[in-house]
N, C-alpha and C. Protein backbone atom coordinates (compact mmCIF):
# COMPACT_ATOMS: atom_id res chain seq x y z
N UNK A 1 9.78 48.95 15.35
CA UNK A 1 8.40 48.57 15.18
C UNK A 1 7.71 48.56 16.54
N UNK A 2 6.49 49.10 16.60
CA UNK A 2 5.74 49.19 17.85
C UNK A 2 5.07 47.87 18.18
N UNK A 3 5.08 47.53 19.47
CA UNK A 3 4.37 46.34 19.91
C UNK A 3 2.91 46.68 20.10
N UNK A 4 2.04 45.84 19.62
CA UNK A 4 0.61 46.08 19.77
C UNK A 4 0.14 45.52 21.11
N UNK A 5 -0.79 46.22 21.72
CA UNK A 5 -1.39 45.73 22.97
C UNK A 5 -0.58 46.04 24.21
N UNK A 6 0.49 46.79 24.07
CA UNK A 6 1.30 47.13 25.24
C UNK A 6 0.80 48.43 25.85
N UNK A 7 0.40 48.37 27.11
CA UNK A 7 -0.04 49.55 27.82
C UNK A 7 1.12 50.06 28.68
N UNK A 8 1.51 51.32 28.54
CA UNK A 8 2.62 51.82 29.35
C UNK A 8 2.24 51.90 30.82
N UNK A 9 3.21 51.71 31.67
CA UNK A 9 3.00 51.80 33.11
C UNK A 9 3.14 53.26 33.51
N UNK A 10 2.14 53.76 34.19
CA UNK A 10 2.19 55.13 34.66
C UNK A 10 2.90 55.16 36.00
N UNK A 11 3.94 55.93 36.08
CA UNK A 11 4.69 56.03 37.33
C UNK A 11 4.37 57.37 37.97
N UNK A 12 4.12 57.33 39.26
CA UNK A 12 3.87 58.55 40.01
C UNK A 12 5.00 58.76 40.99
N UNK A 13 5.17 59.99 41.41
CA UNK A 13 6.27 60.32 42.30
C UNK A 13 6.14 59.61 43.64
N UNK A 14 4.95 59.66 44.22
CA UNK A 14 4.70 59.01 45.50
C UNK A 14 3.52 58.05 45.36
N UNK A 15 3.78 56.81 44.94
CA UNK A 15 2.66 55.88 44.78
C UNK A 15 2.04 55.53 46.12
N UNK A 16 0.78 55.16 46.08
CA UNK A 16 0.07 54.82 47.32
C UNK A 16 0.57 53.50 47.86
N UNK A 17 1.03 53.48 49.14
CA UNK A 17 1.44 52.21 49.74
C UNK A 17 0.22 51.35 50.07
N UNK A 18 0.46 50.10 50.40
CA UNK A 18 -0.63 49.21 50.81
C UNK A 18 -1.31 49.75 52.07
N UNK A 19 -2.60 49.43 52.21
CA UNK A 19 -3.35 49.90 53.38
C UNK A 19 -2.77 49.36 54.68
N UNK A 20 -2.19 48.17 54.65
CA UNK A 20 -1.64 47.56 55.86
C UNK A 20 -0.29 48.15 56.24
N UNK A 21 0.35 48.83 55.32
CA UNK A 21 1.66 49.41 55.55
C UNK A 21 1.54 50.61 56.48
N UNK A 22 2.40 50.71 57.52
CA UNK A 22 2.34 51.87 58.42
C UNK A 22 2.61 53.20 57.70
N UNK A 23 3.31 53.14 56.58
CA UNK A 23 3.59 54.37 55.82
C UNK A 23 2.35 54.92 55.13
N UNK A 24 1.26 54.14 55.08
CA UNK A 24 0.04 54.62 54.44
C UNK A 24 -0.50 55.85 55.15
N UNK A 25 -0.41 55.89 56.48
CA UNK A 25 -0.91 57.03 57.25
C UNK A 25 -0.13 58.29 56.87
N UNK A 26 1.18 58.16 56.74
CA UNK A 26 2.01 59.32 56.36
C UNK A 26 1.67 59.76 54.94
N UNK A 27 1.53 58.80 54.04
CA UNK A 27 1.17 59.13 52.66
C UNK A 27 -0.19 59.82 52.61
N UNK A 28 -1.15 59.30 53.35
CA UNK A 28 -2.50 59.87 53.34
C UNK A 28 -2.52 61.25 53.98
N UNK A 29 -1.69 61.46 55.00
CA UNK A 29 -1.64 62.77 55.65
C UNK A 29 -1.11 63.83 54.68
N UNK A 30 -0.17 63.46 53.82
CA UNK A 30 0.36 64.40 52.84
C UNK A 30 -0.61 64.62 51.67
N UNK A 31 -1.45 63.62 51.39
CA UNK A 31 -2.35 63.73 50.24
C UNK A 31 -3.45 64.74 50.53
N UNK A 32 -3.68 65.64 49.60
CA UNK A 32 -4.68 66.70 49.80
C UNK A 32 -6.10 66.17 49.73
N UNK A 33 -6.34 65.14 48.97
CA UNK A 33 -7.70 64.67 48.76
C UNK A 33 -8.21 63.74 49.86
N UNK A 34 -7.34 63.34 50.76
CA UNK A 34 -7.74 62.41 51.82
C UNK A 34 -7.89 63.21 53.11
N UNK A 35 -9.09 63.20 53.66
CA UNK A 35 -9.37 63.95 54.88
C UNK A 35 -8.97 63.14 56.11
N UNK A 36 -8.91 63.83 57.25
CA UNK A 36 -8.62 63.14 58.50
C UNK A 36 -9.72 62.14 58.83
N UNK A 37 -10.94 62.44 58.43
CA UNK A 37 -12.05 61.52 58.67
C UNK A 37 -11.87 60.23 57.87
N UNK A 38 -11.37 60.36 56.64
CA UNK A 38 -11.11 59.18 55.82
C UNK A 38 -9.99 58.33 56.44
N UNK A 39 -8.97 58.99 56.95
CA UNK A 39 -7.86 58.27 57.59
C UNK A 39 -8.37 57.53 58.82
N UNK A 40 -9.22 58.19 59.60
CA UNK A 40 -9.75 57.55 60.81
C UNK A 40 -10.64 56.36 60.45
N UNK A 41 -11.42 56.51 59.39
CA UNK A 41 -12.30 55.43 58.96
C UNK A 41 -11.49 54.21 58.52
N UNK A 42 -10.38 54.45 57.84
CA UNK A 42 -9.59 53.35 57.30
C UNK A 42 -8.65 52.71 58.33
N UNK A 43 -8.07 53.56 59.22
CA UNK A 43 -7.05 53.04 60.14
C UNK A 43 -7.47 53.08 61.60
N UNK A 44 -8.48 53.88 61.93
CA UNK A 44 -8.88 54.02 63.33
C UNK A 44 -8.07 55.07 64.08
N UNK A 45 -7.18 55.77 63.39
CA UNK A 45 -6.33 56.79 64.03
C UNK A 45 -7.00 58.16 63.92
N UNK A 46 -7.08 58.84 65.06
CA UNK A 46 -7.69 60.17 65.08
C UNK A 46 -6.71 61.20 64.53
N UNK A 47 -7.20 62.42 64.37
CA UNK A 47 -6.34 63.50 63.86
C UNK A 47 -5.15 63.72 64.76
N UNK A 48 -5.36 63.72 66.07
CA UNK A 48 -4.23 63.96 66.99
C UNK A 48 -3.22 62.82 66.93
N UNK A 49 -3.68 61.59 66.71
CA UNK A 49 -2.75 60.47 66.56
C UNK A 49 -1.95 60.58 65.26
N UNK A 50 -2.61 61.05 64.22
CA UNK A 50 -1.91 61.25 62.93
C UNK A 50 -0.85 62.33 63.10
N UNK A 51 -1.17 63.39 63.82
CA UNK A 51 -0.19 64.46 64.05
C UNK A 51 1.01 63.92 64.82
N UNK A 52 0.77 63.08 65.82
CA UNK A 52 1.88 62.48 66.58
C UNK A 52 2.74 61.58 65.69
N UNK A 53 2.09 60.80 64.83
CA UNK A 53 2.83 59.93 63.90
C UNK A 53 3.69 60.77 62.97
N UNK A 54 3.11 61.84 62.45
CA UNK A 54 3.86 62.71 61.55
C UNK A 54 5.03 63.37 62.27
N UNK A 55 4.82 63.79 63.50
CA UNK A 55 5.88 64.44 64.28
C UNK A 55 7.05 63.48 64.50
N UNK A 56 6.74 62.21 64.76
CA UNK A 56 7.79 61.20 65.00
C UNK A 56 8.48 60.75 63.71
N UNK A 57 7.74 60.72 62.61
CA UNK A 57 8.22 60.04 61.41
C UNK A 57 8.96 60.93 60.42
N UNK A 58 8.68 62.21 60.41
CA UNK A 58 9.32 63.06 59.40
C UNK A 58 10.21 64.09 60.09
N UNK A 59 11.06 64.71 59.31
CA UNK A 59 11.99 65.70 59.84
C UNK A 59 11.22 66.90 60.41
N UNK A 60 11.79 67.59 61.40
CA UNK A 60 11.10 68.74 62.01
C UNK A 60 10.68 69.81 61.01
N UNK A 61 11.54 70.11 60.06
CA UNK A 61 11.20 71.14 59.06
C UNK A 61 10.05 70.66 58.18
N UNK A 62 10.06 69.39 57.82
CA UNK A 62 8.97 68.83 57.01
C UNK A 62 7.67 68.83 57.81
N UNK A 63 7.77 68.53 59.10
CA UNK A 63 6.58 68.53 59.94
C UNK A 63 5.98 69.93 60.01
N UNK A 64 6.81 70.95 60.20
CA UNK A 64 6.30 72.34 60.26
C UNK A 64 5.64 72.72 58.94
N UNK A 65 6.26 72.34 57.83
CA UNK A 65 5.69 72.62 56.51
C UNK A 65 4.34 71.92 56.35
N UNK A 66 4.26 70.66 56.78
CA UNK A 66 3.01 69.91 56.69
C UNK A 66 1.92 70.54 57.54
N UNK A 67 2.25 70.93 58.78
CA UNK A 67 1.25 71.54 59.66
C UNK A 67 0.75 72.86 59.09
N UNK A 68 1.66 73.66 58.55
CA UNK A 68 1.26 74.92 57.94
C UNK A 68 0.33 74.66 56.76
N UNK A 69 0.66 73.67 55.98
CA UNK A 69 -0.14 73.32 54.81
C UNK A 69 -1.52 72.81 55.22
N UNK A 70 -1.58 71.95 56.23
CA UNK A 70 -2.85 71.39 56.69
C UNK A 70 -3.74 72.49 57.28
N UNK A 71 -3.14 73.41 58.01
CA UNK A 71 -3.93 74.49 58.62
C UNK A 71 -4.44 75.48 57.59
N UNK A 72 -3.70 75.69 56.51
CA UNK A 72 -4.13 76.63 55.49
C UNK A 72 -5.16 76.03 54.55
N UNK A 73 -5.03 74.75 54.23
CA UNK A 73 -5.96 74.11 53.30
C UNK A 73 -7.20 73.67 54.06
N UNK A 74 -8.33 73.93 53.47
CA UNK A 74 -9.57 73.57 54.15
C UNK A 74 -10.02 72.15 53.81
N UNK A 75 -9.28 71.46 52.97
CA UNK A 75 -9.77 70.17 52.49
C UNK A 75 -9.35 68.99 53.35
N UNK A 76 -8.54 69.19 54.37
CA UNK A 76 -8.16 68.07 55.23
C UNK A 76 -9.25 67.75 56.25
N UNK A 77 -10.21 68.65 56.39
CA UNK A 77 -11.35 68.42 57.28
C UNK A 77 -12.62 68.41 56.44
N UNK A 78 -13.41 67.37 56.56
CA UNK A 78 -14.59 67.18 55.72
C UNK A 78 -15.55 68.37 55.80
N UNK A 79 -15.84 68.87 57.02
CA UNK A 79 -16.81 69.98 57.15
C UNK A 79 -16.30 71.25 56.48
N UNK A 80 -15.02 71.56 56.68
CA UNK A 80 -14.45 72.75 56.04
C UNK A 80 -14.43 72.59 54.53
N UNK A 81 -14.15 71.39 54.06
CA UNK A 81 -14.11 71.13 52.63
C UNK A 81 -15.50 71.33 52.02
N UNK A 82 -16.52 70.75 52.66
CA UNK A 82 -17.88 70.88 52.13
C UNK A 82 -18.33 72.34 52.16
N UNK A 83 -17.97 73.07 53.22
CA UNK A 83 -18.34 74.48 53.32
C UNK A 83 -17.67 75.29 52.21
N UNK A 84 -16.38 75.02 51.96
CA UNK A 84 -15.67 75.77 50.92
C UNK A 84 -16.25 75.45 49.53
N UNK A 85 -16.67 74.20 49.32
CA UNK A 85 -17.28 73.84 48.04
C UNK A 85 -18.61 74.55 47.84
N UNK A 86 -19.39 74.70 48.91
CA UNK A 86 -20.67 75.40 48.81
C UNK A 86 -20.43 76.86 48.44
N UNK A 87 -19.39 77.47 49.04
CA UNK A 87 -19.09 78.87 48.72
C UNK A 87 -18.69 79.02 47.25
N UNK A 88 -17.89 78.10 46.77
CA UNK A 88 -17.43 78.17 45.38
C UNK A 88 -18.60 78.00 44.43
N UNK A 89 -19.46 77.03 44.70
CA UNK A 89 -20.59 76.79 43.80
C UNK A 89 -21.57 77.95 43.84
N UNK A 90 -21.74 78.57 45.01
CA UNK A 90 -22.65 79.71 45.06
C UNK A 90 -22.08 80.90 44.28
N UNK A 91 -20.77 81.09 44.30
CA UNK A 91 -20.14 82.16 43.52
C UNK A 91 -20.30 81.89 42.03
N UNK A 92 -20.14 80.65 41.65
CA UNK A 92 -20.29 80.28 40.24
C UNK A 92 -21.71 80.53 39.77
N UNK A 93 -22.68 80.14 40.59
CA UNK A 93 -24.07 80.35 40.22
C UNK A 93 -24.41 81.83 40.10
N UNK A 94 -23.87 82.66 41.01
CA UNK A 94 -24.13 84.10 40.95
C UNK A 94 -23.53 84.69 39.67
N UNK A 95 -22.34 84.24 39.30
CA UNK A 95 -21.67 84.76 38.11
C UNK A 95 -22.37 84.31 36.83
N UNK A 96 -23.06 83.17 36.86
CA UNK A 96 -23.77 82.70 35.67
C UNK A 96 -24.93 83.62 35.30
N UNK A 97 -25.52 84.27 36.28
CA UNK A 97 -26.68 85.10 36.01
C UNK A 97 -26.33 86.55 35.73
N UNK A 98 -25.07 86.89 35.83
CA UNK A 98 -24.68 88.28 35.57
C UNK A 98 -24.50 88.57 34.10
């Protein structure tokens, strides 16, 4: 018999740590939706400081993978992200009229 009013707990692979936890910077650096500007606003750490933290905290192969990923994705920097969104929306608008 099913229990009424029970909400299942959603488990994620990498849950967000507390903001005060030092691991939050590492978690945020891996997260695609959190920009370096957001990390700086929340923790006061600049992009170069985040890179140093990542270099010290994760394995060398993981660090290389992360750097490659950050350099290829335009969403870790707010300006690049906004520029890429403008390009996408302009392409969508052009295709709507064809």
